[in-house]
Amino acid sequence: MADDAIKAGMSASLTGQFESQGVQALRGAQAWVLDSNSAGGIHVSGVTRGLELVHYDDESSASKAFEVIRHLILQLSLIHISE
């Protein structure tokens, strides 16, 4: 996707106790990005932009999920998609 793509971040339980739910949540987010980009992107303030998904495994741990979300928002300046 182009450099001007909107980057959305997500914490997902891809390992551990909640792996099956996390994998499904990630697949849903990936489908949303694919569908949106296939339709030409999304419109923001009169400009059409594509989407890019950045995701990390929170290992089914609340403290790890907090670290991941903090990293996504504060260090990467991404919007966050909740699992």
Protein backbone atom coordinates (compact mmCIF):
# COMPACT_ATOMS: atom_id res chain seq x y z
CA MET A 1 0.00 0.00 0.00
CA ALA A 2 1.13 3.58 -0.60
CA ASP A 3 3.04 5.60 1.97
CA ASP A 4 -0.10 7.61 2.71
CA ALA A 5 -2.03 4.53 3.83
CA ILE A 6 -3.80 4.73 7.16
CA LYS A 7 -2.05 2.32 9.49
CA ALA A 8 -4.29 0.54 11.96
CA GLY A 9 -2.76 -1.45 14.78
CA MET A 10 -4.08 -4.37 16.76
CA SER A 11 -3.14 -6.57 19.66
CA ALA A 12 -4.30 -10.15 19.08
CA SER A 13 -3.92 -13.33 21.11
CA LEU A 14 -2.16 -15.44 18.49
CA THR A 15 -0.69 -17.79 21.09
CA GLY A 16 -1.79 -18.95 24.51
CA GLN A 17 -5.18 -19.54 26.09
CA PHE A 18 -7.18 -17.27 23.76
CA GLU A 19 -5.38 -18.16 20.52
CA SER A 20 -8.49 -19.31 18.63
CA GLN A 21 -10.33 -16.06 19.37
CA GLY A 22 -7.29 -13.95 18.54
CA VAL A 23 -6.72 -15.68 15.21
CA GLN A 24 -10.37 -15.11 14.26
CA ALA A 25 -10.14 -11.44 15.27
CA LEU A 26 -6.99 -11.01 13.17
CA ARG A 27 -8.64 -12.69 10.18
CA GLY A 28 -11.60 -10.33 10.54
CA ALA A 29 -9.34 -7.29 10.64
CA GLN A 30 -7.36 -8.56 7.63
CA ALA A 31 -10.62 -9.10 5.71
CA TRP A 32 -11.71 -5.54 6.54
CA VAL A 33 -8.40 -4.15 5.22
CA LEU A 34 -8.56 -6.30 2.07
CA ASP A 35 -12.19 -5.40 1.36
CA SER A 36 -11.59 -1.69 1.98
CA ASN A 37 -8.49 -1.60 -0.21
CA SER A 38 -10.21 -3.63 -2.96
CA ALA A 39 -12.96 -1.01 -3.00
CA GLY A 40 -10.37 1.72 -3.52
CA GLY A 41 -9.70 2.64 0.10
CA ILE A 42 -11.59 4.76 2.57
CA HIS A 43 -12.52 8.42 2.38
CA VAL A 44 -11.03 10.70 5.04
CA SER A 45 -11.55 14.46 4.87
CA GLY A 46 -12.20 14.33 1.14
CA VAL A 47 -9.16 12.15 0.41
CA THR A 48 -9.22 8.44 -0.42
CA ARG A 49 -6.56 6.44 1.37
CA GLY A 50 -5.72 2.77 1.64
CA LEU A 51 -5.36 0.81 4.86
CA GLU A 52 -2.44 -1.12 6.32
CA LEU A 53 -2.73 -3.42 9.33
CA VAL A 54 0.06 -3.73 11.90
CA HIS A 55 -0.48 -6.47 14.48
CA TYR A 56 1.35 -8.05 17.37
CA ASP A 57 0.76 -11.17 19.43
CA ASP A 58 -0.23 -10.35 23.02
CA GLU A 59 0.29 -14.00 24.03
CA SER A 60 -3.16 -14.07 25.72
CA SER A 61 -1.74 -11.86 28.48
CA ALA A 62 -3.45 -8.68 29.68
CA SER A 63 -0.13 -7.09 30.62
CA LYS A 64 1.39 -7.95 27.23
CA ALA A 65 -1.72 -6.58 25.47
CA PHE A 66 -1.28 -3.32 27.41
CA GLU A 67 2.37 -3.13 26.30
CA VAL A 68 1.42 -3.81 22.67
CA ILE A 69 -1.34 -1.20 22.63
CA ARG A 70 0.92 1.35 24.31
CA HIS A 71 3.59 0.68 21.67
CA LEU A 72 1.10 0.97 18.81
CA ILE A 73 -0.34 4.26 20.02
CA LEU A 74 2.60 6.05 21.62
CA GLN A 75 5.56 4.86 19.57
CA LEU A 76 4.03 4.10 16.17
CA SER A 77 1.20 6.68 16.38
CA LEU A 78 -1.34 4.21 15.02
CA ILE A 79 -5.03 3.97 15.57
CA HIS A 80 -5.94 0.87 17.57
CA ILE A 81 -8.38 -1.87 16.67
CA SER A 82 -9.68 -3.71 19.68
CA GLU A 83 -9.84 -7.50 19.64
